[in-house]
Amino acid sequence: MNPKEIILREIEHVPEDVLEEVLDFLKFLKQRKSLDMFEVTAASESALKKDWLRPEEDEAWQHL
């Protein structure tokens, strides 16, 4: 049985007020994952910027 199936089975036996907390926690985890990805993207921007600003890049993307 995979984790998703186990969670779904466990949810059947959880009181409603606990389900609200579980939902809040799941939303928090999803948001944190999104923020982590944003931070990686933002951190790589300065490293990639020097390549993006080259004349060769401008030529390559002119047709768009």
PDB file of N, CA and C in Angstrom:
ATOM      1  N   MET A   1       0.858  -1.178   0.000  1.00  0.00           N
ATOM      2  CA  MET A   1       0.000   0.000   0.000  1.00  0.00           C
ATOM      3  C   MET A   1       0.905   1.243   0.000  1.00  0.00           C
ATOM      4  N   ASN A   2       0.620   2.177  -0.887  1.00  0.00           N
ATOM      5  CA  ASN A   2       1.456   3.370  -0.965  1.00  0.00           C
ATOM      6  C   ASN A   2       1.000   4.426   0.053  1.00  0.00           C
ATOM      7  N   PRO A   3       1.830   5.451   0.303  1.00  0.00           N
ATOM      8  CA  PRO A   3       1.490   6.466   1.312  1.00  0.00           C
ATOM      9  C   PRO A   3       0.139   7.150   1.077  1.00  0.00           C
ATOM     10  N   LYS A   4      -0.185   7.419  -0.173  1.00  0.00           N
ATOM     11  CA  LYS A   4      -1.462   8.076  -0.463  1.00  0.00           C
ATOM     12  C   LYS A   4      -2.635   7.208  -0.022  1.00  0.00           C
ATOM     13  N   GLU A   5      -2.558   5.929  -0.319  1.00  0.00           N
ATOM     14  CA  GLU A   5      -3.624   5.007   0.084  1.00  0.00           C
ATOM     15  C   GLU A   5      -3.732   4.910   1.604  1.00  0.00           C
ATOM     16  N   ILE A   6      -2.608   4.893   2.271  1.00  0.00           N
ATOM     17  CA  ILE A   6      -2.613   4.829   3.739  1.00  0.00           C
ATOM     18  C   ILE A   6      -3.233   6.084   4.322  1.00  0.00           C
ATOM     19  N   ILE A   7      -2.858   7.236   3.786  1.00  0.00           N
ATOM     20  CA  ILE A   7      -3.425   8.510   4.267  1.00  0.00           C
ATOM     21  C   ILE A   7      -4.930   8.534   4.061  1.00  0.00           C
ATOM     22  N   LEU A   8      -5.373   8.123   2.880  1.00  0.00           N
ATOM     23  CA  LEU A   8      -6.809   8.121   2.600  1.00  0.00           C
ATOM     24  C   LEU A   8      -7.561   7.192   3.550  1.00  0.00           C
ATOM     25  N   ARG A   9      -6.958   6.065   3.868  1.00  0.00           N
ATOM     26  CA  ARG A   9      -7.590   5.130   4.788  1.00  0.00           C
ATOM     27  C   ARG A   9      -7.645   5.711   6.209  1.00  0.00           C
ATOM     28  N   GLU A  10      -6.574   6.344   6.622  1.00  0.00           N
ATOM     29  CA  GLU A  10      -6.523   6.936   7.961  1.00  0.00           C
ATOM     30  C   GLU A  10      -7.515   8.093   8.106  1.00  0.00           C
ATOM     31  N   ILE A  11      -7.684   8.859   7.055  1.00  0.00           N
ATOM     32  CA  ILE A  11      -8.584  10.019   7.089  1.00  0.00           C
ATOM     33  C   ILE A  11     -10.014   9.604   7.428  1.00  0.00           C
ATOM     34  N   GLU A  12     -10.383   8.414   7.048  1.00  0.00           N
ATOM     35  CA  GLU A  12     -11.739   7.925   7.327  1.00  0.00           C
ATOM     36  C   GLU A  12     -12.044   7.853   8.827  1.00  0.00           C
ATOM     37  N   HIS A  13     -11.005   7.814   9.640  1.00  0.00           N
ATOM     38  CA  HIS A  13     -11.191   7.631  11.085  1.00  0.00           C
ATOM     39  C   HIS A  13     -10.751   8.841  11.904  1.00  0.00           C
ATOM     40  N   VAL A  14     -10.661   9.996  11.262  1.00  0.00           N
ATOM     41  CA  VAL A  14     -10.189  11.206  11.940  1.00  0.00           C
ATOM     42  C   VAL A  14     -11.360  12.153  12.149  1.00  0.00           C
ATOM     43  N   PRO A  15     -11.458  12.754  13.340  1.00  0.00           N
ATOM     44  CA  PRO A  15     -12.530  13.729  13.592  1.00  0.00           C
ATOM     45  C   PRO A  15     -12.407  14.952  12.676  1.00  0.00           C
ATOM     46  N   GLU A  16     -13.527  15.592  12.443  1.00  0.00           N
ATOM     47  CA  GLU A  16     -13.588  16.725  11.521  1.00  0.00           C
ATOM     48  C   GLU A  16     -12.607  17.846  11.881  1.00  0.00           C
ATOM     49  N   ASP A  17     -12.492  18.171  13.171  1.00  0.00           N
ATOM     50  CA  ASP A  17     -11.585  19.262  13.564  1.00  0.00           C
ATOM     51  C   ASP A  17     -10.122  18.913  13.256  1.00  0.00           C
ATOM     52  N   VAL A  18      -9.773  17.653  13.350  1.00  0.00           N
ATOM     53  CA  VAL A  18      -8.411  17.225  13.013  1.00  0.00           C
ATOM     54  C   VAL A  18      -8.218  17.283  11.495  1.00  0.00           C
ATOM     55  N   LEU A  19      -9.264  16.970  10.748  1.00  0.00           N
ATOM     56  CA  LEU A  19      -9.175  17.050   9.289  1.00  0.00           C
ATOM     57  C   LEU A  19      -8.864  18.470   8.834  1.00  0.00           C
ATOM     58  N   GLU A  20      -9.417  19.454   9.513  1.00  0.00           N
ATOM     59  CA  GLU A  20      -9.129  20.844   9.171  1.00  0.00           C
ATOM     60  C   GLU A  20      -7.649  21.148   9.378  1.00  0.00           C
ATOM     61  N   GLU A  21      -7.083  20.632  10.461  1.00  0.00           N
ATOM     62  CA  GLU A  21      -5.653  20.818  10.713  1.00  0.00           C
ATOM     63  C   GLU A  21      -4.815  20.106   9.662  1.00  0.00           C
ATOM     64  N   VAL A  22      -5.226  18.914   9.293  1.00  0.00           N
ATOM     65  CA  VAL A  22      -4.507  18.155   8.270  1.00  0.00           C
ATOM     66  C   VAL A  22      -4.525  18.923   6.951  1.00  0.00           C
ATOM     67  N   LEU A  23      -5.676  19.454   6.600  1.00  0.00           N
ATOM     68  CA  LEU A  23      -5.794  20.231   5.373  1.00  0.00           C
ATOM     69  C   LEU A  23      -4.893  21.460   5.423  1.00  0.00           C
ATOM     70  N   ASP A  24      -4.896  22.171   6.531  1.00  0.00           N
ATOM     71  CA  ASP A  24      -4.011  23.332   6.686  1.00  0.00           C
ATOM     72  C   ASP A  24      -2.553  22.935   6.516  1.00  0.00           C
ATOM     73  N   PHE A  25      -2.178  21.810   7.107  1.00  0.00           N
ATOM     74  CA  PHE A  25      -0.799  21.345   7.019  1.00  0.00           C
ATOM     75  C   PHE A  25      -0.427  20.975   5.581  1.00  0.00           C
ATOM     76  N   LEU A  26      -1.339  20.310   4.879  1.00  0.00           N
ATOM     77  CA  LEU A  26      -1.080  19.971   3.476  1.00  0.00           C
ATOM     78  C   LEU A  26      -0.897  21.226   2.624  1.00  0.00           C
ATOM     79  N   LYS A  27      -1.731  22.217   2.861  1.00  0.00           N
ATOM     80  CA  LYS A  27      -1.599  23.479   2.127  1.00  0.00           C
ATOM     81  C   LYS A  27      -0.267  24.150   2.444  1.00  0.00           C
ATOM     82  N   PHE A  28       0.144  24.101   3.712  1.00  0.00           N
ATOM     83  CA  PHE A  28       1.433  24.656   4.107  1.00  0.00           C
ATOM     84  C   PHE A  28       2.577  23.953   3.376  1.00  0.00           C
ATOM     85  N   LEU A  29       2.538  22.629   3.329  1.00  0.00           N
ATOM     86  CA  LEU A  29       3.596  21.870   2.662  1.00  0.00           C
ATOM     87  C   LEU A  29       3.676  22.215   1.174  1.00  0.00           C
ATOM     88  N   LYS A  30       2.519  22.346   0.524  1.00  0.00           N
ATOM     89  CA  LYS A  30       2.504  22.702  -0.891  1.00  0.00           C
ATOM     90  C   LYS A  30       3.074  24.096  -1.107  1.00  0.00           C
ATOM     91  N   GLN A  31       2.713  25.028  -0.238  1.00  0.00           N
ATOM     92  CA  GLN A  31       3.207  26.390  -0.359  1.00  0.00           C
ATOM     93  C   GLN A  31       4.718  26.434  -0.130  1.00  0.00           C
ATOM     94  N   ARG A  32       5.185  25.692   0.864  1.00  0.00           N
ATOM     95  CA  ARG A  32       6.620  25.663   1.162  1.00  0.00           C
ATOM     96  C   ARG A  32       7.395  25.102  -0.022  1.00  0.00           C
ATOM     97  N   LYS A  33       6.858  24.077  -0.657  1.00  0.00           N
ATOM     98  CA  LYS A  33       7.504  23.485  -1.832  1.00  0.00           C
ATOM     99  C   LYS A  33       7.599  24.517  -2.955  1.00  0.00           C
ATOM    100  N   SER A  34       6.530  25.273  -3.150  1.00  0.00           N
ATOM    101  CA  SER A  34       6.532  26.316  -4.183  1.00  0.00           C
ATOM    102  C   SER A  34       7.563  27.387  -3.867  1.00  0.00           C
ATOM    103  N   LEU A  35       7.654  27.780  -2.601  1.00  0.00           N
ATOM    104  CA  LEU A  35       8.633  28.789  -2.202  1.00  0.00           C
ATOM    105  C   LEU A  35      10.053  28.284  -2.391  1.00  0.00           C
ATOM    106  N   ASP A  36      10.288  27.013  -2.077  1.00  0.00           N
ATOM    107  CA  ASP A  36      11.616  26.426  -2.273  1.00  0.00           C
ATOM    108  C   ASP A  36      12.015  26.503  -3.748  1.00  0.00           C
ATOM    109  N   MET A  37      11.093  26.175  -4.634  1.00  0.00           N
ATOM    110  CA  MET A  37      11.381  26.226  -6.070  1.00  0.00           C
ATOM    111  C   MET A  37      11.643  27.660  -6.522  1.00  0.00           C
ATOM    112  N   PHE A  38      10.886  28.610  -5.976  1.00  0.00           N
ATOM    113  CA  PHE A  38      11.088  30.018  -6.323  1.00  0.00           C
ATOM    114  C   PHE A  38      12.467  30.477  -5.880  1.00  0.00           C
ATOM    115  N   GLU A  39      12.889  30.083  -4.680  1.00  0.00           N
ATOM    116  CA  GLU A  39      14.200  30.485  -4.174  1.00  0.00           C
ATOM    117  C   GLU A  39      15.315  29.936  -5.051  1.00  0.00           C
ATOM    118  N   VAL A  40      15.193  28.701  -5.510  1.00  0.00           N
ATOM    119  CA  VAL A  40      16.198  28.114  -6.403  1.00  0.00           C
ATOM    120  C   VAL A  40      16.247  28.906  -7.710  1.00  0.00           C
ATOM    121  N   THR A  41      15.087  29.225  -8.238  1.00  0.00           N
ATOM    122  CA  THR A  41      15.019  29.982  -9.482  1.00  0.00           C
ATOM    123  C   THR A  41      15.638  31.362  -9.308  1.00  0.00           C
ATOM    124  N   ALA A  42      15.290  32.040  -8.230  1.00  0.00           N
ATOM    125  CA  ALA A  42      15.820  33.376  -7.974  1.00  0.00           C
ATOM    126  C   ALA A  42      17.332  33.331  -7.772  1.00  0.00           C
ATOM    127  N   ALA A  43      17.821  32.316  -7.091  1.00  0.00           N
ATOM    128  CA  ALA A  43      19.255  32.206  -6.839  1.00  0.00           C
ATOM    129  C   ALA A  43      20.025  31.949  -8.131  1.00  0.00           C
ATOM    130  N   SER A  44      19.445  31.216  -9.054  1.00  0.00           N
ATOM    131  CA  SER A  44      20.153  30.902 -10.303  1.00  0.00           C
ATOM    132  C   SER A  44      20.098  32.065 -11.298  1.00  0.00           C
ATOM    133  N   GLU A  45      19.211  33.008 -11.065  1.00  0.00           N
ATOM    134  CA  GLU A  45      19.058  34.109 -12.014  1.00  0.00           C
ATOM    135  C   GLU A  45      20.355  34.888 -12.187  1.00  0.00           C
ATOM    136  N   SER A  46      21.033  35.215 -11.101  1.00  0.00           N
ATOM    137  CA  SER A  46      22.255  36.010 -11.222  1.00  0.00           C
ATOM    138  C   SER A  46      23.343  35.246 -11.974  1.00  0.00           C
ATOM    139  N   ALA A  47      23.397  33.933 -11.775  1.00  0.00           N
ATOM    140  CA  ALA A  47      24.406  33.134 -12.475  1.00  0.00           C
ATOM    141  C   ALA A  47      24.105  33.049 -13.971  1.00  0.00           C
ATOM    142  N   LEU A  48      22.831  32.977 -14.320  1.00  0.00           N
ATOM    143  CA  LEU A  48      22.450  32.840 -15.730  1.00  0.00           C
ATOM    144  C   LEU A  48      22.360  34.182 -16.452  1.00  0.00           C
ATOM    145  N   LYS A  49      22.237  35.247 -15.682  1.00  0.00           N
ATOM    146  CA  LYS A  49      22.022  36.569 -16.259  1.00  0.00           C
ATOM    147  C   LYS A  49      23.104  36.939 -17.269  1.00  0.00           C
ATOM    148  N   LYS A  50      24.370  36.622 -16.954  1.00  0.00           N
ATOM    149  CA  LYS A  50      25.452  37.001 -17.860  1.00  0.00           C
ATOM    150  C   LYS A  50      25.307  36.318 -19.224  1.00  0.00           C
ATOM    151  N   ASP A  51      24.764  35.099 -19.234  1.00  0.00           N
ATOM    152  CA  ASP A  51      24.524  34.422 -20.512  1.00  0.00           C
ATOM    153  C   ASP A  51      23.312  35.001 -21.234  1.00  0.00           C
ATOM    154  N   TRP A  52      22.277  35.340 -20.478  1.00  0.00           N
ATOM    155  CA  TRP A  52      21.060  35.872 -21.085  1.00  0.00           C
ATOM    156  C   TRP A  52      21.300  37.206 -21.781  1.00  0.00           C
ATOM    157  N   LEU A  53      22.229  37.979 -21.256  1.00  0.00           N
ATOM    158  CA  LEU A  53      22.428  39.336 -21.755  1.00  0.00           C
ATOM    159  C   LEU A  53      23.455  39.421 -22.880  1.00  0.00           C
ATOM    160  N   ARG A  54      23.858  38.305 -23.432  1.00  0.00           N
ATOM    161  CA  ARG A  54      24.816  38.295 -24.541  1.00  0.00           C
ATOM    162  C   ARG A  54      24.101  38.582 -25.856  1.00  0.00           C
ATOM    163  N   PRO A  55      24.782  39.222 -26.787  1.00  0.00           N
ATOM    164  CA  PRO A  55      24.170  39.506 -28.095  1.00  0.00           C
ATOM    165  C   PRO A  55      23.706  38.240 -28.820  1.00  0.00           C
ATOM    166  N   GLU A  56      24.433  37.143 -28.630  1.00  0.00           N
ATOM    167  CA  GLU A  56      24.059  35.889 -29.272  1.00  0.00           C
ATOM    168  C   GLU A  56      22.668  35.422 -28.815  1.00  0.00           C
ATOM    169  N   GLU A  57      22.364  35.645 -27.559  1.00  0.00           N
ATOM    170  CA  GLU A  57      21.048  35.274 -27.030  1.00  0.00           C
ATOM    171  C   GLU A  57      19.962  36.134 -27.669  1.00  0.00           C
ATOM    172  N   ASP A  58      20.227  37.416 -27.796  1.00  0.00           N
ATOM    173  CA  ASP A  58      19.249  38.301 -28.436  1.00  0.00           C
ATOM    174  C   ASP A  58      18.940  37.827 -29.857  1.00  0.00           C
ATOM    175  N   GLU A  59      19.987  37.471 -30.597  1.00  0.00           N
ATOM    176  CA  GLU A  59      19.793  36.975 -31.962  1.00  0.00           C
ATOM    177  C   GLU A  59      18.975  35.687 -31.986  1.00  0.00           C
ATOM    178  N   ALA A  60      19.278  34.799 -31.055  1.00  0.00           N
ATOM    179  CA  ALA A  60      18.598  33.508 -31.030  1.00  0.00           C
ATOM    180  C   ALA A  60      17.098  33.635 -30.763  1.00  0.00           C
ATOM    181  N   TRP A  61      16.702  34.663 -30.032  1.00  0.00           N
ATOM    182  CA  TRP A  61      15.303  34.811 -29.640  1.00  0.00           C
ATOM    183  C   TRP A  61      14.566  35.898 -30.428  1.00  0.00           C
ATOM    184  N   GLN A  62      15.206  36.470 -31.432  1.00  0.00           N
ATOM    185  CA  GLN A  62      14.608  37.558 -32.201  1.00  0.00           C
ATOM    186  C   GLN A  62      13.292  37.198 -32.869  1.00  0.00           C
ATOM    187  N   HIS A  63      13.159  35.972 -33.316  1.00  0.00           N
ATOM    188  CA  HIS A  63      11.979  35.571 -34.089  1.00  0.00           C
ATOM    189  C   HIS A  63      10.723  35.387 -33.206  1.00  0.00           C
ATOM    190  N   LEU A  64      10.871  35.448 -31.920  1.00  0.00           N
ATOM    191  CA  LEU A  64       9.699  35.246 -31.032  1.00  0.00           C
ATOM    192  C   LEU A  64       8.992  36.534 -30.714  1.00  0.00           C
TER     193      LEU A  64
END
